[in-house]
C-alpha cells in the first residue's frame, strides 16, 4: 500500500513539473523581463549591382568569365559588362558622365583621352589601391592625371604586327619576310597569284593610323625618330616621316578592291576566310579570329626595315577606372584591386589572348607568348597614341582624316604632312631633353 502511494506521488510530481515547465516556456510573469528571442541565423547580404563599360564588344564573353571568377569570391558584388560599339563609345561615355548615368567601372582610352576624364574630375583616384605597385610606372602613365595621381589600372599591353596565313605562304613558297624588300616581294607574289596581299580598309580612320603606326617605324627610323620628334630635333614635315606617308600610298596597290569602303569587320572577314594572306593588326584580334575560324593556320611576324631590323609597335591598350559618382564605389574599388592580381592577369592572357600588364604572367597560347616576347624585346612606341593624341580635334584624328583624303586623291603625301604639322603645332610643346 505504501509503495503504491509513493508511486502515485512521483507520477503527480512529474506531471506537475511538466505543467510548470510547459507554462514557463509560453508565459511570462507580470512585470518580468521577457526572455530574449533566439538569434537569427539568416546572414544574407544584399547584392550590389555594378555596370562596367567598354568599347570592346568582342571581349564580352571573356570578361563575363573573368567577372564570374571574381564573383565566386565576392558573391555580394554583381557586375554587368556592357560594352558599346568602339566608334560610338567616346561620345556615349561623355554624354553619360555629364548626365550622371555613366558606368561604375569605366574603360579608359589610353593616354590623352583617358587622362582628360581624370583631369575633368570624373574619376576616383586609385593610388591607395592594394597591388597597384606591381604595375610598371611606364604603364601607369597611360592613366595618370596632371596631378600625378593614378586614375586607371592598365590591364593589357597592345602590340601591332603582321598576321599571315601559313597555308597560303607555303602554297606560294613565301618565307617570313626579314627585310622590307622581302615584304614587298611577298605582296607581289600573292597579287600575281590573285590573292589579296593585305586585308585593309580605310572606312574607319583608326584602321589607317594603326596600320601606319605599325609599318611606319620601318621607314622613319623607329624609336630614334620618336625621340627626335618629341624633343623638337625634327618634325613631321621631315623626309623620314614624309616617306612613311608615301609608303602608305604606295601600298594601296596591295589592298583589296574597294578598300575605301571596307570596315574592320570586312578586313577580318577577308583574312579569316583566307581571301587575304596578311593583315596588319593588333594582338587583340587573335582571340576573335580563332573563334571565327578555329582551323585558320596563322602566325605573325614583326615589321622589318630595309636593313633587316624588325619592330612591333606597342602601347597600353586602355585602363579601368572608377566613376567618382558611383553609388557602389567601395565594391567597384574591390574589383579594381582584383585587376592587380596574377589571377586576373592570367585570366586576361588566356581569355583575351593578350599580354598582361602584371609581371610574370604566362599565356597558354603560343601566339600570345610570341607577341609578349617581341613586345618586351623589339618594341617601339605608337607615336600617335602615346605622344600626338592631343589637341581639339586630336592630331591623331586629323592624321586619319588626311590619310582618308589621300586615298580619295584629295590630298598628296606632302599636303598630309603639312596639315598634320599645323595640327601638332597648335598644342604640342617638345619635351625638354
Protein backbone atom coordinates (compact mmCIF):
# COMPACT_ATOMS: atom_id res chain seq x y z
CA UNK A 1 0.00 0.00 0.00
CA UNK A 2 2.83 2.33 0.91
CA UNK A 3 4.66 1.52 -2.36
CA UNK A 4 1.52 2.34 -4.34
CA UNK A 5 1.10 5.68 -2.50
CA UNK A 6 4.75 6.65 -3.22
CA UNK A 7 4.35 5.74 -6.91
CA UNK A 8 1.30 7.92 -7.26
CA UNK A 9 3.11 10.79 -5.56
CA UNK A 10 6.03 10.51 -8.03
CA UNK A 11 3.67 10.50 -11.02
CA UNK A 12 1.81 13.51 -9.63
CA UNK A 13 5.12 15.37 -9.07
CA UNK A 14 6.33 14.54 -12.58
CA UNK A 15 3.08 15.76 -14.11
CA UNK A 16 3.25 18.98 -12.11
CA UNK A 17 6.83 19.53 -13.28
CA UNK A 18 5.77 19.13 -16.93
CA UNK A 19 2.93 21.59 -16.43
CA UNK A 20 5.22 24.17 -14.79
CA UNK A 21 7.93 23.65 -17.43
CA UNK A 22 5.39 23.95 -20.21
CA UNK A 23 3.95 27.15 -18.79
CA UNK A 24 7.36 28.75 -18.32
CA UNK A 25 8.13 28.43 -21.99
CA UNK A 26 4.96 30.15 -23.11
CA UNK A 27 4.11 32.67 -20.41
CA UNK A 28 5.84 35.45 -18.52
CA UNK A 29 5.01 36.65 -15.05
CA UNK A 30 3.54 40.19 -14.89
CA UNK A 31 6.37 42.71 -14.63
CA UNK A 32 9.07 40.18 -15.51
CA UNK A 33 11.58 40.84 -18.32
CA UNK A 34 10.72 38.78 -21.41
CA UNK A 35 13.28 36.19 -22.44
CA UNK A 36 15.35 37.30 -25.41
CA UNK A 37 14.30 35.96 -28.81
CA UNK A 38 16.61 33.37 -30.40
CA UNK A 39 19.33 34.93 -32.59
CA UNK A 40 18.57 34.93 -36.32
CA UNK A 41 20.79 32.68 -38.39
CA UNK A 42 19.97 34.42 -41.70
CA UNK A 43 23.15 36.33 -42.72
CA UNK A 44 22.04 37.16 -46.24
CA UNK A 45 23.77 40.25 -47.66
CA UNK A 46 22.11 42.37 -50.32
CA UNK A 47 23.91 42.31 -53.68
CA UNK A 48 25.47 45.46 -55.04
CA UNK A 49 24.96 45.72 -58.79
CA UNK A 50 27.65 47.45 -60.86
CA UNK A 51 27.98 48.20 -64.55
CA UNK A 52 31.26 48.00 -66.44
CA UNK A 53 31.58 49.99 -69.66
CA UNK A 54 33.95 49.32 -72.56
CA UNK A 55 34.37 49.76 -76.32
CA UNK A 56 35.44 46.11 -76.66
CA UNK A 57 32.21 44.42 -77.72
CA UNK A 58 34.22 41.40 -78.87
CA UNK A 59 35.52 40.88 -75.30
CA UNK A 60 32.08 40.37 -73.75
CA UNK A 61 32.29 36.60 -73.38
CA UNK A 62 35.83 36.74 -71.99
CA UNK A 63 35.03 39.43 -69.41
CA UNK A 64 31.93 37.57 -68.31
CA UNK A 65 34.17 34.61 -67.47
CA UNK A 66 36.63 36.88 -65.65
CA UNK A 67 33.82 38.53 -63.68
CA UNK A 68 32.43 35.11 -62.77
CA UNK A 69 35.77 34.20 -61.17
CA UNK A 70 35.72 37.42 -59.17
CA UNK A 71 32.13 36.84 -58.05
CA UNK A 72 32.97 33.33 -56.83
CA UNK A 73 34.91 35.04 -54.01
CA UNK A 74 32.73 38.15 -53.82
CA UNK A 75 29.14 36.87 -54.15
CA UNK A 76 27.64 40.14 -52.93
CA UNK A 77 29.02 42.06 -55.95
CA UNK A 78 27.22 41.65 -59.26
CA UNK A 79 28.92 43.18 -62.31
CA UNK A 80 27.39 43.55 -65.76
CA UNK A 81 29.84 44.05 -68.62
CA UNK A 82 28.06 46.46 -71.01
CA UNK A 83 30.26 47.37 -73.99
CA UNK A 84 29.24 49.69 -76.81
CA UNK A 85 30.48 49.96 -80.39
CA UNK A 86 34.04 51.27 -80.46
CA UNK A 87 33.26 54.13 -82.85
CA UNK A 88 30.40 55.33 -80.61
CA UNK A 89 32.00 54.74 -77.22
CA UNK A 90 33.66 58.13 -76.64
CA UNK A 91 30.52 60.12 -77.42
CA UNK A 92 28.22 57.90 -75.35
CA UNK A 93 30.61 57.88 -72.40
CA UNK A 94 31.00 61.65 -72.35
CA UNK A 95 27.23 62.10 -72.51
CA UNK A 96 26.62 59.60 -69.70
CA UNK A 97 29.23 61.27 -67.48
CA UNK A 98 27.55 64.63 -67.91
CA UNK A 99 24.08 63.21 -67.22
CA UNK A 100 25.13 61.10 -64.24
CA UNK A 101 24.38 57.77 -65.92
CA UNK A 102 27.92 56.57 -66.58
CA UNK A 103 29.05 53.02 -65.69
CA UNK A 104 30.50 52.35 -62.24
CA UNK A 105 33.67 50.89 -63.76
CA UNK A 106 34.87 52.76 -66.83
CA UNK A 107 37.18 51.53 -69.58
CA UNK A 108 39.54 54.45 -70.22
CA UNK A 109 41.04 55.11 -73.62
CA UNK A 110 44.84 55.12 -73.23
CA UNK A 111 46.83 58.27 -72.61
CA UNK A 112 45.31 61.66 -73.54
CA UNK A 113 41.58 60.72 -73.79
CA UNK A 114 41.53 58.82 -70.51
CA UNK A 115 43.68 61.38 -68.75
CA UNK A 116 41.26 64.10 -69.88
CA UNK A 117 38.46 62.36 -67.93
CA UNK A 118 40.68 62.24 -64.85
CA UNK A 119 41.58 65.91 -65.18
CA UNK A 120 37.89 66.69 -65.64
CA UNK A 121 37.11 65.31 -62.18
CA UNK A 122 35.06 62.32 -63.33
CA UNK A 123 37.25 59.58 -61.85
CA UNK A 124 38.22 58.32 -58.42
CA UNK A 125 41.99 58.35 -57.60
CA UNK A 126 43.37 54.83 -57.24
CA UNK A 127 46.76 55.43 -55.61
CA UNK A 128 45.72 53.65 -52.42
CA UNK A 129 44.52 50.51 -54.21
CA UNK A 130 46.35 47.46 -52.90
CA UNK A 131 48.56 45.81 -55.54
CA UNK A 132 48.87 48.82 -57.83
CA UNK A 133 52.62 48.94 -57.19
CA UNK A 134 53.18 45.68 -59.10
CA UNK A 135 52.46 47.50 -62.39
CA UNK A 136 55.30 49.43 -64.01
CA UNK A 137 55.34 53.21 -63.74
CA UNK A 138 55.62 53.42 -67.53
CA UNK A 139 52.36 51.50 -67.93
CA UNK A 140 50.63 53.58 -65.25
CA UNK A 141 51.38 56.80 -67.19
CA UNK A 142 48.61 55.77 -69.58
CA UNK A 143 46.08 56.85 -66.92
CA UNK A 144 47.99 59.26 -64.68
CA UNK A 145 46.43 62.72 -64.33
CA UNK A 146 48.19 66.05 -64.39
CA UNK A 147 48.04 65.98 -60.59
CA UNK A 148 50.31 62.92 -60.58
CA UNK A 149 47.60 60.59 -59.28
CA UNK A 150 46.73 57.28 -60.94
CA UNK A 151 43.13 57.02 -62.17
CA UNK A 152 43.16 53.74 -64.07
CA UNK A 153 44.62 50.24 -63.81
CA UNK A 154 46.16 49.21 -67.16
CA UNK A 155 45.16 45.63 -67.83
CA UNK A 156 46.83 44.69 -71.10
CA UNK A 157 49.51 45.82 -73.48
CA UNK A 158 48.68 46.13 -77.16
CA UNK A 159 51.04 45.27 -79.94
CA UNK A 160 50.72 45.60 -83.71
CA UNK A 161 52.42 43.19 -86.09
CA UNK A 162 51.68 41.43 -89.36
CA UNK A 163 49.49 38.34 -89.17
CA UNK A 164 49.81 35.94 -92.05
CA UNK A 165 48.19 32.81 -93.43
CA UNK A 166 50.76 30.00 -93.15
CA UNK A 167 48.95 27.81 -95.66
CA UNK A 168 48.98 30.49 -98.36
CA UNK A 169 52.61 31.38 -97.68
CA UNK A 170 53.57 27.71 -98.00
CA UNK A 171 51.46 27.30 -101.14
CA UNK A 172 53.37 30.06 -102.90
CA UNK A 173 56.77 29.31 -101.32
CA UNK A 174 56.90 32.55 -99.32
CA UNK A 175 59.14 32.78 -96.25
CA UNK A 176 58.56 35.15 -93.34
CA UNK A 177 59.97 38.49 -94.58
CA UNK A 178 63.26 39.52 -92.97
CA UNK A 179 63.59 42.88 -94.77
CA UNK A 180 61.20 45.46 -96.22
CA UNK A 181 62.16 44.26 -99.70
CA UNK A 182 61.13 40.73 -98.70
CA UNK A 183 57.75 42.06 -97.57
CA UNK A 184 57.12 43.78 -100.90
CA UNK A 185 58.27 40.69 -102.80
CA UNK A 186 55.80 38.58 -100.82
CA UNK A 187 52.99 41.03 -101.62
CA UNK A 188 53.89 40.92 -105.33
CA UNK A 189 53.87 37.11 -105.35
CA UNK A 190 50.46 36.97 -103.72
CA UNK A 191 48.99 39.56 -106.06
CA UNK A 192 50.31 37.72 -109.11
CA UNK A 193 48.52 34.62 -107.85
CA UNK A 194 45.27 36.56 -107.38
CA UNK A 195 45.40 36.54 -103.58
CA UNK A 196 44.83 39.87 -101.84
CA UNK A 197 48.15 40.61 -100.11
CA UNK A 198 46.79 42.79 -97.27
CA UNK A 199 43.35 42.79 -95.68
CA UNK A 200 42.83 46.54 -95.29
CA UNK A 201 40.04 49.10 -95.16
CA UNK A 202 40.07 52.88 -94.78
CA UNK A 203 36.41 53.40 -93.90
CA UNK A 204 37.27 53.70 -90.19
CA UNK A 205 40.03 56.22 -89.53
CA UNK A 206 41.64 54.31 -86.67
CA UNK A 207 42.47 51.45 -89.04
CA UNK A 208 44.63 53.76 -91.14
CA UNK A 209 46.53 55.30 -88.24
CA UNK A 210 47.04 51.84 -86.72
CA UNK A 211 48.44 50.49 -90.00
CA UNK A 212 50.74 53.49 -90.29
CA UNK A 213 51.70 53.14 -86.62
CA UNK A 214 52.78 49.54 -87.21
CA UNK A 215 54.56 49.92 -90.56
CA UNK A 216 55.97 53.47 -90.43
CA UNK A 217 58.74 52.82 -87.87
CA UNK A 218 60.43 50.65 -90.52
CA UNK A 219 60.51 53.74 -92.75
CA UNK A 220 61.10 56.71 -90.43
CA UNK A 221 63.57 55.03 -88.10
CA UNK A 222 61.63 53.66 -85.15
CA UNK A 223 62.27 54.83 -81.61
CA UNK A 224 65.18 57.08 -82.62
CA UNK A 225 62.83 59.18 -84.74
CA UNK A 226 60.19 59.24 -81.98
CA UNK A 227 62.81 60.65 -79.59
CA UNK A 228 63.87 63.31 -82.09
CA UNK A 229 60.36 64.44 -82.99
CA UNK A 230 59.16 64.61 -79.38
CA UNK A 231 62.22 66.61 -78.28
CA UNK A 232 61.97 69.11 -81.16
CA UNK A 233 65.02 67.92 -83.10
CA UNK A 234 62.82 67.30 -86.14
CA UNK A 235 59.14 67.44 -87.09
CA UNK A 236 56.51 65.69 -89.16
CA UNK A 237 57.46 67.56 -92.32
CA UNK A 238 60.81 65.78 -92.32
CA UNK A 239 61.79 63.47 -95.15
CA UNK A 240 61.71 60.47 -92.82
CA UNK A 241 58.09 61.00 -91.83
CA UNK A 242 57.10 62.08 -95.35
CA UNK A 243 58.48 58.81 -96.68
CA UNK A 244 56.30 56.91 -94.21
CA UNK A 245 53.18 58.63 -95.58
CA UNK A 246 54.30 57.94 -99.15
CA UNK A 247 54.70 54.27 -98.16
CA UNK A 248 51.04 54.17 -97.14
CA UNK A 249 50.04 55.39 -100.57
CA UNK A 250 52.42 53.01 -102.36
CA UNK A 251 50.96 50.01 -100.54
CA UNK A 252 47.45 50.74 -101.80
CA UNK A 253 48.03 48.56 -104.87
CA UNK A 254 48.21 45.59 -102.49
CA UNK A 255 44.92 46.42 -100.77
CA UNK A 256 41.54 44.79 -101.60
CA UNK A 257 39.25 46.17 -104.28
CA UNK A 258 37.06 48.96 -102.91
CA UNK A 259 39.20 49.17 -99.76
CA UNK A 260 37.99 52.74 -99.23
CA UNK A 261 34.58 51.41 -98.16
CA UNK A 262 35.81 48.49 -96.05
CA UNK A 263 35.48 48.39 -92.24
CA UNK A 264 37.19 46.34 -89.55
CA UNK A 265 34.59 43.61 -89.90
CA UNK A 266 35.27 43.43 -93.64
CA UNK A 267 39.03 43.26 -93.09
CA UNK A 268 38.70 40.50 -90.54
CA UNK A 269 36.38 38.51 -92.78
CA UNK A 270 38.83 38.74 -95.68
CA UNK A 271 41.60 37.34 -93.54
CA UNK A 272 39.77 34.58 -91.65
CA UNK A 273 38.11 33.33 -94.86
CA UNK A 274 41.58 33.16 -96.44
CA UNK A 275 40.89 35.66 -99.22
CA UNK A 276 43.72 37.85 -97.95
CA UNK A 277 47.11 36.49 -96.89
CA UNK A 278 48.28 39.21 -94.48
CA UNK A 279 46.74 41.70 -92.10
CA UNK A 280 48.44 44.47 -90.12
CA UNK A 281 46.57 44.38 -86.84
CA UNK A 282 46.70 44.42 -83.07
CA UNK A 283 47.07 41.33 -80.92
CA UNK A 284 43.51 41.70 -79.60
CA UNK A 285 42.26 40.13 -82.81
CA UNK A 286 43.90 36.77 -82.06
CA UNK A 287 41.01 35.51 -79.93
CA UNK A 288 38.38 36.89 -82.30
CA UNK A 289 39.92 35.33 -85.40
CA UNK A 290 40.46 31.96 -83.76
CA UNK A 291 36.85 31.90 -82.67
CA UNK A 292 35.63 32.77 -86.17
CA UNK A 293 37.80 30.15 -87.84
CA UNK A 294 39.36 27.61 -85.45
CA UNK A 295 41.05 25.91 -88.41
CA UNK A 296 42.85 29.05 -89.59
CA UNK A 297 46.57 28.28 -89.72
CA UNK A 298 48.02 31.68 -88.92
CA UNK A 299 51.17 33.13 -87.47
CA UNK A 300 52.74 36.58 -87.23
CA UNK A 301 55.99 38.42 -87.78
CA UNK A 302 57.40 41.82 -86.77
CA UNK A 303 57.73 44.61 -89.32
CA UNK A 304 61.22 44.57 -90.88
CA UNK A 305 63.06 47.64 -92.19
CA UNK A 306 65.41 47.82 -95.16
CA UNK A 307 68.39 46.68 -93.06
CA UNK A 308 66.57 43.74 -91.51
CA UNK A 309 65.88 45.29 -88.10
CA UNK A 310 62.31 44.47 -87.07
CA UNK A 311 59.90 46.13 -84.64
CA UNK A 312 56.43 45.77 -83.18
CA UNK A 313 54.52 48.87 -82.10
CA UNK A 314 53.25 48.77 -78.52
CA UNK A 315 51.19 50.80 -76.04
CA UNK A 316 48.89 50.33 -73.09
CA UNK A 317 45.51 49.43 -74.54
CA UNK A 318 43.27 51.15 -72.07
CA UNK A 319 42.84 51.10 -68.31
CA UNK A 320 39.88 50.64 -66.00
CA UNK A 321 38.88 53.41 -63.63
CA UNK A 322 36.07 54.06 -61.16
CA UNK A 323 33.31 56.59 -61.69
CA UNK A 324 33.68 59.19 -58.94
CA UNK A 325 29.88 59.39 -58.63
CA UNK A 326 29.33 55.64 -58.43
CA UNK A 327 26.95 54.55 -55.67
CA UNK A 328 28.89 51.30 -55.44
CA UNK A 329 32.32 52.89 -55.25
CA UNK A 330 33.57 50.60 -52.48
CA UNK A 331 32.63 47.48 -54.43
CA UNK A 332 33.99 48.91 -57.69
CA UNK A 333 37.34 49.52 -56.00
CA UNK A 334 37.29 45.91 -54.82
CA UNK A 335 37.14 44.78 -58.46
CA UNK A 336 39.90 47.24 -59.39
CA UNK A 337 42.06 45.65 -56.69
CA UNK A 338 41.35 42.24 -58.26
CA UNK A 339 42.71 43.64 -61.53
CA UNK A 340 46.18 43.97 -59.99
CA UNK A 341 46.47 40.27 -59.14
CA UNK A 342 48.23 37.47 -61.00
CA UNK A 343 44.94 35.58 -61.05
CA UNK A 344 43.37 38.37 -63.09
CA UNK A 345 46.47 38.71 -65.28
CA UNK A 346 46.42 35.01 -66.11
CA UNK A 347 42.70 35.11 -66.92
CA UNK A 348 43.30 38.08 -69.24
CA UNK A 349 46.18 36.37 -71.02
CA UNK A 350 44.23 33.17 -71.57
CA UNK A 351 40.74 34.54 -72.22
CA UNK A 352 41.58 37.74 -74.13
CA UNK A 353 44.73 36.29 -75.71
CA UNK A 354 46.67 39.44 -74.87
CA UNK A 355 49.86 40.18 -72.92
CA UNK A 356 49.04 41.19 -69.35
CA UNK A 357 50.46 44.21 -67.54
CA UNK A 358 51.01 42.01 -64.47
CA UNK A 359 54.66 40.84 -64.35
CA UNK A 360 55.32 37.11 -64.54
CA UNK A 361 52.07 36.13 -66.26
CA UNK A 362 52.47 33.50 -68.98
CA UNK A 363 49.82 32.61 -71.55
CA UNK A 364 48.88 29.09 -72.60
CA UNK A 365 48.60 30.36 -76.20
CA UNK A 366 51.92 30.22 -78.13
CA UNK A 367 50.97 33.18 -80.33
CA UNK A 368 50.27 35.36 -77.29
CA UNK A 369 53.59 34.25 -75.81
CA UNK A 370 55.35 35.17 -79.07
CA UNK A 371 53.71 38.60 -79.05
CA UNK A 372 54.72 39.14 -75.43
CA UNK A 373 58.32 38.20 -76.14
CA UNK A 374 58.54 40.60 -79.08
CA UNK A 375 56.83 43.38 -77.13
CA UNK A 376 59.47 43.00 -74.41
CA UNK A 377 62.44 42.97 -76.79
CA UNK A 378 61.84 44.86 -80.06
CA UNK A 379 59.02 47.29 -79.32
CA UNK A 380 58.70 50.88 -80.48
CA UNK A 381 56.07 53.37 -79.20
CA UNK A 382 52.85 54.10 -81.09
CA UNK A 383 53.61 57.74 -81.91
CA UNK A 384 50.03 58.93 -82.46
CA UNK A 385 48.56 57.22 -79.41
CA UNK A 386 51.23 57.98 -76.83
CA UNK A 387 52.58 61.36 -77.98
CA UNK A 388 50.39 63.03 -80.63
CA UNK A 389 46.88 62.26 -79.46
CA UNK A 390 46.20 65.73 -78.05
CA UNK A 391 44.55 68.83 -79.45
CA UNK A 392 40.97 69.56 -80.42
CA UNK A 393 40.42 67.82 -82.74
CA UNK A 394 43.27 65.50 -81.83
CA UNK A 395 46.25 65.33 -84.16
CA UNK A 396 45.61 61.59 -84.39
CA UNK A 397 42.12 62.16 -85.79
CA UNK A 398 43.42 64.89 -88.10
CA UNK A 399 46.02 62.46 -89.43
CA UNK A 400 43.35 59.82 -90.04
CA UNK A 401 41.17 62.26 -91.98
CA UNK A 402 44.13 63.43 -94.05
CA UNK A 403 45.09 59.86 -94.93
CA UNK A 404 41.49 59.11 -95.89
CA UNK A 405 41.66 62.17 -98.13
CA UNK A 406 44.90 60.89 -99.65
CA UNK A 407 43.24 57.59 -100.55
CA UNK A 408 40.44 59.58 -102.19
CA UNK A 409 43.07 61.52 -104.17
CA UNK A 410 42.14 64.76 -102.37
CA UNK A 411 45.50 65.09 -100.60
CA UNK A 412 49.09 64.41 -101.61
CA UNK A 413 51.57 62.94 -99.10
CA UNK A 414 53.23 66.37 -98.90
CA UNK A 415 49.91 68.05 -98.12
CA UNK A 416 49.21 65.44 -95.46
CA UNK A 417 52.42 66.18 -93.57
CA UNK A 418 52.00 69.95 -93.98
CA UNK A 419 48.49 69.99 -92.50
CA UNK A 420 49.38 67.45 -89.85
CA UNK A 421 52.27 69.56 -88.57
CA UNK A 422 49.93 72.55 -88.27
CA UNK A 423 47.68 70.47 -86.04
CA UNK A 424 50.59 69.36 -83.85
CA UNK A 425 51.94 72.92 -83.59
CA UNK A 426 48.58 74.11 -82.25
CA UNK A 427 49.05 72.24 -78.96
CA UNK A 428 52.27 70.25 -78.71
CA UNK A 429 55.36 71.57 -76.96
CA UNK A 430 58.53 69.48 -77.45
CA UNK A 431 59.70 67.54 -74.42
CA UNK A 432 62.79 69.02 -72.78
CA UNK A 433 65.87 66.89 -73.35
